[in-house]
Amino acid sequence: MGIDQLRELAIILVQRIRQNASIDWNLKENVRARMKVMVKRLLRQYGYPPDMQALATELVLEQAKLFTEFTVNG
């Protein structure tokens, strides 16, 4: 993947997380599962290496959790 493609992927991921994250999204299993599927689809769509998608998905969701906690509490 090129730098420009990674940058575009990161921007879209942030936009989608912001649109779909509610205050307690990480506590609700169905919302968390929907976010996980959304992240996986975007990674696949942008040609992210398949062997690294699981790790990247978990990393994105962990960062989203920290981001929403920071914006709500901070």
PDB file of N, CA and C in Angstrom:
ATOM      1  N   MET A   1       0.848  -1.187   0.000  1.00  0.00           N
ATOM      2  CA  MET A   1       0.000   0.000   0.000  1.00  0.00           C
ATOM      3  C   MET A   1       0.884   1.239   0.000  1.00  0.00           C
ATOM      4  N   GLY A   2       0.438   2.223  -0.725  1.00  0.00           N
ATOM      5  CA  GLY A   2       1.175   3.476  -0.771  1.00  0.00           C
ATOM      6  C   GLY A   2       0.779   4.397   0.376  1.00  0.00           C
ATOM      7  N   ILE A   3       1.600   5.385   0.598  1.00  0.00           N
ATOM      8  CA  ILE A   3       1.356   6.353   1.667  1.00  0.00           C
ATOM      9  C   ILE A   3       0.037   7.093   1.440  1.00  0.00           C
ATOM     10  N   ASP A   4      -0.217   7.495   0.205  1.00  0.00           N
ATOM     11  CA  ASP A   4      -1.453   8.221  -0.086  1.00  0.00           C
ATOM     12  C   ASP A   4      -2.686   7.367   0.173  1.00  0.00           C
ATOM     13  N   GLN A   5      -2.606   6.092  -0.171  1.00  0.00           N
ATOM     14  CA  GLN A   5      -3.729   5.184   0.047  1.00  0.00           C
ATOM     15  C   GLN A   5      -3.947   4.949   1.545  1.00  0.00           C
ATOM     16  N   LEU A   6      -2.872   4.821   2.299  1.00  0.00           N
ATOM     17  CA  LEU A   6      -2.997   4.661   3.755  1.00  0.00           C
ATOM     18  C   LEU A   6      -3.588   5.915   4.384  1.00  0.00           C
ATOM     19  N   ARG A   7      -3.168   7.072   3.912  1.00  0.00           N
ATOM     20  CA  ARG A   7      -3.687   8.334   4.438  1.00  0.00           C
ATOM     21  C   ARG A   7      -5.186   8.430   4.177  1.00  0.00           C
ATOM     22  N   GLU A   8      -5.603   8.099   2.958  1.00  0.00           N
ATOM     23  CA  GLU A   8      -7.017   8.139   2.605  1.00  0.00           C
ATOM     24  C   GLU A   8      -7.823   7.151   3.452  1.00  0.00           C
ATOM     25  N   LEU A   9      -7.281   5.959   3.650  1.00  0.00           N
ATOM     26  CA  LEU A   9      -7.929   4.954   4.492  1.00  0.00           C
ATOM     27  C   LEU A   9      -8.086   5.465   5.920  1.00  0.00           C
ATOM     28  N   ALA A  10      -7.052   6.075   6.467  1.00  0.00           N
ATOM     29  CA  ALA A  10      -7.107   6.596   7.840  1.00  0.00           C
ATOM     30  C   ALA A  10      -8.167   7.686   7.969  1.00  0.00           C
ATOM     31  N   ILE A  11      -8.240   8.567   6.989  1.00  0.00           N
ATOM     32  CA  ILE A  11      -9.233   9.650   7.027  1.00  0.00           C
ATOM     33  C   ILE A  11     -10.642   9.081   7.002  1.00  0.00           C
ATOM     34  N   ILE A  12     -10.876   8.119   6.134  1.00  0.00           N
ATOM     35  CA  ILE A  12     -12.212   7.520   6.035  1.00  0.00           C
ATOM     36  C   ILE A  12     -12.552   6.738   7.299  1.00  0.00           C
ATOM     37  N   LEU A  13     -11.574   6.024   7.860  1.00  0.00           N
ATOM     38  CA  LEU A  13     -11.820   5.296   9.110  1.00  0.00           C
ATOM     39  C   LEU A  13     -12.230   6.255  10.219  1.00  0.00           C
ATOM     40  N   VAL A  14     -11.534   7.364  10.358  1.00  0.00           N
ATOM     41  CA  VAL A  14     -11.866   8.342  11.407  1.00  0.00           C
ATOM     42  C   VAL A  14     -13.267   8.898  11.186  1.00  0.00           C
ATOM     43  N   GLN A  15     -13.598   9.228   9.955  1.00  0.00           N
ATOM     44  CA  GLN A  15     -14.932   9.750   9.662  1.00  0.00           C
ATOM     45  C   GLN A  15     -16.016   8.738  10.016  1.00  0.00           C
ATOM     46  N   ARG A  16     -15.815   7.493   9.623  1.00  0.00           N
ATOM     47  CA  ARG A  16     -16.818   6.458   9.889  1.00  0.00           C
ATOM     48  C   ARG A  16     -16.948   6.167  11.383  1.00  0.00           C
ATOM     49  N   ILE A  17     -15.821   6.150  12.087  1.00  0.00           N
ATOM     50  CA  ILE A  17     -15.869   5.915  13.534  1.00  0.00           C
ATOM     51  C   ILE A  17     -16.649   7.032  14.207  1.00  0.00           C
ATOM     52  N   ARG A  18     -16.364   8.262  13.827  1.00  0.00           N
ATOM     53  CA  ARG A  18     -17.079   9.401  14.418  1.00  0.00           C
ATOM     54  C   ARG A  18     -18.569   9.334  14.137  1.00  0.00           C
ATOM     55  N   GLN A  19     -18.945   8.913  12.942  1.00  0.00           N
ATOM     56  CA  GLN A  19     -20.358   8.829  12.577  1.00  0.00           C
ATOM     57  C   GLN A  19     -21.084   7.727  13.337  1.00  0.00           C
ATOM     58  N   ASN A  20     -20.393   6.644  13.624  1.00  0.00           N
ATOM     59  CA  ASN A  20     -21.053   5.466  14.176  1.00  0.00           C
ATOM     60  C   ASN A  20     -20.842   5.253  15.668  1.00  0.00           C
ATOM     61  N   ALA A  21     -19.958   6.018  16.279  1.00  0.00           N
ATOM     62  CA  ALA A  21     -19.657   5.801  17.694  1.00  0.00           C
ATOM     63  C   ALA A  21     -20.632   6.580  18.562  1.00  0.00           C
ATOM     64  N   SER A  22     -21.325   5.873  19.418  1.00  0.00           N
ATOM     65  CA  SER A  22     -22.156   6.514  20.424  1.00  0.00           C
ATOM     66  C   SER A  22     -21.357   6.540  21.724  1.00  0.00           C
ATOM     67  N   ILE A  23     -21.894   7.139  22.726  1.00  0.00           N
ATOM     68  CA  ILE A  23     -21.167   7.286  23.990  1.00  0.00           C
ATOM     69  C   ILE A  23     -20.757   5.940  24.562  1.00  0.00           C
ATOM     70  N   ASP A  24     -21.636   4.971  24.512  1.00  0.00           N
ATOM     71  CA  ASP A  24     -21.346   3.665  25.116  1.00  0.00           C
ATOM     72  C   ASP A  24     -21.238   2.558  24.070  1.00  0.00           C
ATOM     73  N   TRP A  25     -20.757   2.877  22.874  1.00  0.00           N
ATOM     74  CA  TRP A  25     -20.699   1.898  21.794  1.00  0.00           C
ATOM     75  C   TRP A  25     -19.854   0.694  22.153  1.00  0.00           C
ATOM     76  N   ASN A  26     -18.786   0.893  22.932  1.00  0.00           N
ATOM     77  CA  ASN A  26     -17.898  -0.223  23.247  1.00  0.00           C
ATOM     78  C   ASN A  26     -18.489  -1.162  24.308  1.00  0.00           C
ATOM     79  N   LEU A  27     -19.597  -0.783  24.925  1.00  0.00           N
ATOM     80  CA  LEU A  27     -20.248  -1.645  25.908  1.00  0.00           C
ATOM     81  C   LEU A  27     -21.348  -2.504  25.281  1.00  0.00           C
ATOM     82  N   LYS A  28     -21.819  -2.093  24.119  1.00  0.00           N
ATOM     83  CA  LYS A  28     -22.889  -2.828  23.440  1.00  0.00           C
ATOM     84  C   LYS A  28     -22.292  -3.745  22.391  1.00  0.00           C
ATOM     85  N   GLU A  29     -22.506  -5.026  22.561  1.00  0.00           N
ATOM     86  CA  GLU A  29     -21.899  -6.028  21.681  1.00  0.00           C
ATOM     87  C   GLU A  29     -22.319  -5.860  20.227  1.00  0.00           C
ATOM     88  N   ASN A  30     -23.591  -5.587  19.978  1.00  0.00           N
ATOM     89  CA  ASN A  30     -24.049  -5.469  18.593  1.00  0.00           C
ATOM     90  C   ASN A  30     -23.457  -4.244  17.900  1.00  0.00           C
ATOM     91  N   VAL A  31     -23.299  -3.145  18.614  1.00  0.00           N
ATOM     92  CA  VAL A  31     -22.696  -1.937  18.026  1.00  0.00           C
ATOM     93  C   VAL A  31     -21.210  -2.173  17.784  1.00  0.00           C
ATOM     94  N   ARG A  32     -20.556  -2.814  18.730  1.00  0.00           N
ATOM     95  CA  ARG A  32     -19.126  -3.117  18.582  1.00  0.00           C
ATOM     96  C   ARG A  32     -18.901  -4.058  17.392  1.00  0.00           C
ATOM     97  N   ALA A  33     -19.780  -5.030  17.224  1.00  0.00           N
ATOM     98  CA  ALA A  33     -19.663  -5.965  16.101  1.00  0.00           C
ATOM     99  C   ALA A  33     -19.875  -5.247  14.767  1.00  0.00           C
ATOM    100  N   ARG A  34     -20.817  -4.329  14.731  1.00  0.00           N
ATOM    101  CA  ARG A  34     -21.069  -3.567  13.508  1.00  0.00           C
ATOM    102  C   ARG A  34     -19.856  -2.701  13.152  1.00  0.00           C
ATOM    103  N   MET A  35     -19.232  -2.094  14.157  1.00  0.00           N
ATOM    104  CA  MET A  35     -18.032  -1.285  13.924  1.00  0.00           C
ATOM    105  C   MET A  35     -16.891  -2.160  13.408  1.00  0.00           C
ATOM    106  N   LYS A  36     -16.767  -3.341  13.969  1.00  0.00           N
ATOM    107  CA  LYS A  36     -15.707  -4.259  13.549  1.00  0.00           C
ATOM    108  C   LYS A  36     -15.874  -4.659  12.087  1.00  0.00           C
ATOM    109  N   VAL A  37     -17.097  -4.956  11.695  1.00  0.00           N
ATOM    110  CA  VAL A  37     -17.382  -5.321  10.307  1.00  0.00           C
ATOM    111  C   VAL A  37     -17.082  -4.144   9.383  1.00  0.00           C
ATOM    112  N   MET A  38     -17.463  -2.937   9.803  1.00  0.00           N
ATOM    113  CA  MET A  38     -17.208  -1.750   9.002  1.00  0.00           C
ATOM    114  C   MET A  38     -15.708  -1.556   8.771  1.00  0.00           C
ATOM    115  N   VAL A  39     -14.912  -1.713   9.825  1.00  0.00           N
ATOM    116  CA  VAL A  39     -13.464  -1.561   9.719  1.00  0.00           C
ATOM    117  C   VAL A  39     -12.885  -2.629   8.795  1.00  0.00           C
ATOM    118  N   LYS A  40     -13.311  -3.875   8.955  1.00  0.00           N
ATOM    119  CA  LYS A  40     -12.813  -4.965   8.109  1.00  0.00           C
ATOM    120  C   LYS A  40     -13.127  -4.715   6.638  1.00  0.00           C
ATOM    121  N   ARG A  41     -14.330  -4.242   6.356  1.00  0.00           N
ATOM    122  CA  ARG A  41     -14.713  -3.963   4.969  1.00  0.00           C
ATOM    123  C   ARG A  41     -13.854  -2.869   4.368  1.00  0.00           C
ATOM    124  N   LEU A  42     -13.610  -1.808   5.144  1.00  0.00           N
ATOM    125  CA  LEU A  42     -12.774  -0.724   4.635  1.00  0.00           C
ATOM    126  C   LEU A  42     -11.347  -1.195   4.383  1.00  0.00           C
ATOM    127  N   LEU A  43     -10.811  -1.984   5.289  1.00  0.00           N
ATOM    128  CA  LEU A  43      -9.456  -2.493   5.096  1.00  0.00           C
ATOM    129  C   LEU A  43      -9.377  -3.335   3.829  1.00  0.00           C
ATOM    130  N   ARG A  44     -10.353  -4.193   3.633  1.00  0.00           N
ATOM    131  CA  ARG A  44     -10.388  -5.038   2.441  1.00  0.00           C
ATOM    132  C   ARG A  44     -10.547  -4.201   1.183  1.00  0.00           C
ATOM    133  N   GLN A  45     -11.423  -3.201   1.241  1.00  0.00           N
ATOM    134  CA  GLN A  45     -11.687  -2.333   0.099  1.00  0.00           C
ATOM    135  C   GLN A  45     -10.425  -1.581  -0.339  1.00  0.00           C
ATOM    136  N   TYR A  46      -9.602  -1.189   0.623  1.00  0.00           N
ATOM    137  CA  TYR A  46      -8.386  -0.445   0.307  1.00  0.00           C
ATOM    138  C   TYR A  46      -7.173  -1.340   0.088  1.00  0.00           C
ATOM    139  N   GLY A  47      -7.379  -2.645   0.069  1.00  0.00           N
ATOM    140  CA  GLY A  47      -6.296  -3.563  -0.237  1.00  0.00           C
ATOM    141  C   GLY A  47      -5.292  -3.749   0.881  1.00  0.00           C
ATOM    142  N   TYR A  48      -5.748  -3.589   2.116  1.00  0.00           N
ATOM    143  CA  TYR A  48      -4.863  -3.804   3.261  1.00  0.00           C
ATOM    144  C   TYR A  48      -4.459  -5.277   3.277  1.00  0.00           C
ATOM    145  N   PRO A  49      -3.212  -5.583   3.578  1.00  0.00           N
ATOM    146  CA  PRO A  49      -2.753  -6.982   3.537  1.00  0.00           C
ATOM    147  C   PRO A  49      -3.621  -7.894   4.417  1.00  0.00           C
ATOM    148  N   PRO A  50      -4.158  -8.969   3.851  1.00  0.00           N
ATOM    149  CA  PRO A  50      -5.063  -9.856   4.582  1.00  0.00           C
ATOM    150  C   PRO A  50      -4.475 -10.437   5.868  1.00  0.00           C
ATOM    151  N   ASP A  51      -3.183 -10.716   5.871  1.00  0.00           N
ATOM    152  CA  ASP A  51      -2.581 -11.313   7.062  1.00  0.00           C
ATOM    153  C   ASP A  51      -2.436 -10.313   8.203  1.00  0.00           C
ATOM    154  N   MET A  52      -2.642  -9.035   7.945  1.00  0.00           N
ATOM    155  CA  MET A  52      -2.504  -8.020   8.986  1.00  0.00           C
ATOM    156  C   MET A  52      -3.840  -7.370   9.345  1.00  0.00           C
ATOM    157  N   GLN A  53      -4.926  -7.803   8.702  1.00  0.00           N
ATOM    158  CA  GLN A  53      -6.225  -7.170   8.913  1.00  0.00           C
ATOM    159  C   GLN A  53      -6.772  -7.364  10.318  1.00  0.00           C
ATOM    160  N   ALA A  54      -6.603  -8.540  10.894  1.00  0.00           N
ATOM    161  CA  ALA A  54      -7.135  -8.794  12.238  1.00  0.00           C
ATOM    162  C   ALA A  54      -6.472  -7.880  13.262  1.00  0.00           C
ATOM    163  N   LEU A  55      -5.161  -7.774  13.195  1.00  0.00           N
ATOM    164  CA  LEU A  55      -4.428  -6.901  14.119  1.00  0.00           C
ATOM    165  C   LEU A  55      -4.816  -5.442  13.904  1.00  0.00           C
ATOM    166  N   ALA A  56      -4.920  -5.021  12.655  1.00  0.00           N
ATOM    167  CA  ALA A  56      -5.284  -3.641  12.343  1.00  0.00           C
ATOM    168  C   ALA A  56      -6.697  -3.323  12.825  1.00  0.00           C
ATOM    169  N   THR A  57      -7.612  -4.264  12.669  1.00  0.00           N
ATOM    170  CA  THR A  57      -8.989  -4.061  13.116  1.00  0.00           C
ATOM    171  C   THR A  57      -9.038  -3.845  14.622  1.00  0.00           C
ATOM    172  N   GLU A  58      -8.355  -4.683  15.363  1.00  0.00           N
ATOM    173  CA  GLU A  58      -8.337  -4.540  16.826  1.00  0.00           C
ATOM    174  C   GLU A  58      -7.679  -3.229  17.247  1.00  0.00           C
ATOM    175  N   LEU A  59      -6.630  -2.845  16.556  1.00  0.00           N
ATOM    176  CA  LEU A  59      -5.939  -1.595  16.860  1.00  0.00           C
ATOM    177  C   LEU A  59      -6.850  -0.394  16.599  1.00  0.00           C
ATOM    178  N   VAL A  60      -7.555  -0.407  15.483  1.00  0.00           N
ATOM    179  CA  VAL A  60      -8.471   0.689  15.156  1.00  0.00           C
ATOM    180  C   VAL A  60      -9.583   0.776  16.197  1.00  0.00           C
ATOM    181  N   LEU A  61     -10.145  -0.352  16.598  1.00  0.00           N
ATOM    182  CA  LEU A  61     -11.222  -0.340  17.590  1.00  0.00           C
ATOM    183  C   LEU A  61     -10.725   0.122  18.957  1.00  0.00           C
ATOM    184  N   GLU A  62      -9.507  -0.258  19.325  1.00  0.00           N
ATOM    185  CA  GLU A  62      -8.936   0.201  20.595  1.00  0.00           C
ATOM    186  C   GLU A  62      -8.701   1.711  20.558  1.00  0.00           C
ATOM    187  N   GLN A  63      -8.202   2.203  19.440  1.00  0.00           N
ATOM    188  CA  GLN A  63      -7.996   3.645  19.301  1.00  0.00           C
ATOM    189  C   GLN A  63      -9.320   4.387  19.309  1.00  0.00           C
ATOM    190  N   ALA A  64     -10.338   3.818  18.681  1.00  0.00           N
ATOM    191  CA  ALA A  64     -11.664   4.436  18.678  1.00  0.00           C
ATOM    192  C   ALA A  64     -12.225   4.500  20.094  1.00  0.00           C
ATOM    193  N   LYS A  65     -12.004   3.456  20.861  1.00  0.00           N
ATOM    194  CA  LYS A  65     -12.462   3.431  22.249  1.00  0.00           C
ATOM    195  C   LYS A  65     -11.781   4.546  23.041  1.00  0.00           C
ATOM    196  N   LEU A  66     -10.479   4.675  22.904  1.00  0.00           N
ATOM    197  CA  LEU A  66      -9.747   5.733  23.596  1.00  0.00           C
ATOM    198  C   LEU A  66     -10.187   7.106  23.118  1.00  0.00           C
ATOM    199  N   PHE A  67     -10.416   7.252  21.831  1.00  0.00           N
ATOM    200  CA  PHE A  67     -10.847   8.527  21.270  1.00  0.00           C
ATOM    201  C   PHE A  67     -12.197   8.946  21.839  1.00  0.00           C
ATOM    202  N   THR A  68     -13.161   8.011  21.873  1.00  0.00           N
ATOM    203  CA  THR A  68     -14.485   8.361  22.385  1.00  0.00           C
ATOM    204  C   THR A  68     -14.441   8.631  23.879  1.00  0.00           C
ATOM    205  N   GLU A  69     -13.603   7.908  24.624  1.00  0.00           N
ATOM    206  CA  GLU A  69     -13.463   8.191  26.049  1.00  0.00           C
ATOM    207  C   GLU A  69     -12.858   9.569  26.282  1.00  0.00           C
ATOM    208  N   PHE A  70     -11.878   9.927  25.472  1.00  0.00           N
ATOM    209  CA  PHE A  70     -11.240  11.234  25.592  1.00  0.00           C
ATOM    210  C   PHE A  70     -12.187  12.364  25.249  1.00  0.00           C
ATOM    211  N   THR A  71     -12.964  12.205  24.181  1.00  0.00           N
ATOM    212  CA  THR A  71     -13.872  13.281  23.757  1.00  0.00           C
ATOM    213  C   THR A  71     -15.051  13.426  24.699  1.00  0.00           C
ATOM    214  N   VAL A  72     -15.482  12.330  25.302  1.00  0.00           N
ATOM    215  CA  VAL A  72     -16.616  12.399  26.243  1.00  0.00           C
ATOM    216  C   VAL A  72     -16.155  12.955  27.586  1.00  0.00           C
ATOM    217  N   ASN A  73     -15.010  12.492  28.066  1.00  0.00           N
ATOM    218  CA  ASN A  73     -14.525  12.890  29.382  1.00  0.00           C
ATOM    219  C   ASN A  73     -13.620  14.110  29.350  1.00  0.00           C
ATOM    220  N   GLY A  74     -13.099  14.449  28.193  1.00  0.00           N
ATOM    221  CA  GLY A  74     -12.077  15.445  28.169  1.00  0.00           C
ATOM    222  C   GLY A  74     -12.435  16.780  27.705  1.00  0.00           C
TER     223      GLY A  74
END
